[in-house]
Amino acid sequence: MLNFTDSATAHLFEMKKDAPAGQTLRLYKDGDRLGLKWDIEKNEDRVVSHEATTVLVYEPKLGELLSDKSIDVKHTDKGAVLALA
C-alpha cells in the first residue's frame, strides 16, 4: 500500500483549499513521472484523507505499482514539495 506521512496529508490539505468546486487532487503517472492534477473522485479510487476531508485520490493500479513507497514533504529553497521515498 502506498503510504502518506502525516506531513504529506497536512500539506495536501492546505493545497486542497484552492480546489475547484467538487474536485480533489489526483496522483497520476505519466510515463516515468508522477504528477498531481485537479479531478473528480471515481468509485474505484483509493482515497487519502486528512481531518475527515478527502485530499487526494489515485487509481488502485498506481497504488500497487508504488506499494513499497511513501510520500512525504521535502523542504526546498522554493518551499515545501511532495517527494516519493
Protein backbone atom coordinates (compact mmCIF):
# COMPACT_ATOMS: atom_id res chain seq x y z
CA MET A 1 0.00 0.00 0.00
CA LEU A 2 1.25 3.46 -0.86
CA ASN A 3 1.93 5.32 2.38
CA PHE A 4 1.45 9.04 3.06
CA THR A 5 3.12 10.68 6.05
CA ASP A 6 1.15 12.98 8.34
CA SER A 7 3.19 15.89 6.96
CA ALA A 8 2.21 14.94 3.41
CA THR A 9 -1.51 14.73 4.17
CA ALA A 10 -1.37 18.06 6.04
CA HIS A 11 0.37 19.63 3.01
CA LEU A 12 -2.27 18.18 0.67
CA PHE A 13 -4.99 19.53 2.98
CA GLU A 14 -3.55 23.04 2.55
CA MET A 15 -3.34 22.57 -1.23
CA LYS A 16 -6.97 21.37 -1.30
CA LYS A 17 -8.12 24.80 -0.08
CA ASP A 18 -7.51 26.04 -3.65
CA ALA A 19 -9.50 23.21 -5.28
CA PRO A 20 -12.15 23.93 -7.88
CA ALA A 21 -15.63 23.12 -6.53
CA GLY A 22 -16.28 19.38 -6.27
CA GLN A 23 -12.71 18.37 -7.14
CA THR A 24 -9.73 16.97 -5.30
CA LEU A 25 -6.12 16.29 -6.17
CA ARG A 26 -5.34 13.18 -8.20
CA LEU A 27 -1.97 11.45 -8.17
CA TYR A 28 -1.25 10.09 -11.63
CA LYS A 29 1.58 8.53 -13.61
CA ASP A 30 2.68 9.98 -16.95
CA GLY A 31 5.45 7.85 -18.42
CA ASP A 32 8.05 7.57 -15.68
CA ARG A 33 6.89 10.69 -13.83
CA LEU A 34 4.25 11.25 -11.16
CA GLY A 35 2.05 14.31 -11.14
CA LEU A 36 -0.89 15.97 -9.43
CA LYS A 37 -3.97 17.43 -11.06
CA TRP A 38 -7.46 18.52 -10.03
CA ASP A 39 -10.04 15.85 -10.78
CA ILE A 40 -13.28 14.28 -9.62
CA GLU A 41 -13.18 11.23 -7.34
CA LYS A 42 -14.20 7.96 -9.00
CA ASN A 43 -15.78 4.97 -7.26
CA GLU A 44 -12.73 2.74 -7.72
CA ASP A 45 -10.22 5.32 -6.46
CA ARG A 46 -8.09 4.92 -3.37
CA VAL A 47 -8.70 7.89 -1.06
CA VAL A 48 -6.24 9.77 1.16
CA SER A 49 -7.86 11.85 3.91
CA HIS A 50 -6.81 14.45 6.44
CA GLU A 51 -9.13 15.73 9.16
CA ALA A 52 -12.06 13.79 7.63
CA THR A 53 -11.52 15.53 4.25
CA THR A 54 -10.51 13.77 1.04
CA VAL A 55 -7.26 15.43 -0.01
CA LEU A 56 -6.06 13.08 -2.75
CA VAL A 57 -7.21 10.15 -4.86
CA TYR A 58 -5.35 7.67 -7.06
CA GLU A 59 -6.10 4.60 -9.13
CA PRO A 60 -5.64 1.20 -7.45
CA LYS A 61 -3.10 0.13 -10.11
CA LEU A 62 -0.90 3.10 -9.23
CA GLY A 63 -1.09 2.12 -5.57
CA GLU A 64 0.04 -1.41 -6.45
CA LEU A 65 2.93 -0.06 -8.53
CA LEU A 66 4.08 2.14 -5.63
CA SER A 67 3.16 -0.28 -2.83
CA ASP A 68 6.60 -0.12 -1.20
CA LYS A 69 6.87 3.69 -1.36
CA SER A 70 5.96 6.62 0.86
CA ILE A 71 5.05 10.20 0.04
CA ASP A 72 6.44 12.84 2.36
CA VAL A 73 7.10 16.58 2.36
CA LYS A 74 10.54 17.79 1.30
CA HIS A 75 11.56 21.34 2.13
CA THR A 76 13.42 23.13 -0.67
CA ASP A 77 14.56 26.69 -1.39
CA LYS A 78 11.27 27.11 -3.30
CA GLY A 79 9.14 25.85 -0.41
CA ALA A 80 7.58 22.55 0.57
CA VAL A 81 7.04 19.91 -2.10
CA LEU A 82 5.82 16.32 -2.05
CA ALA A 83 8.51 13.70 -2.58
CA LEU A 84 8.48 9.95 -3.14
CA ALA A 85 10.66 7.95 -0.75
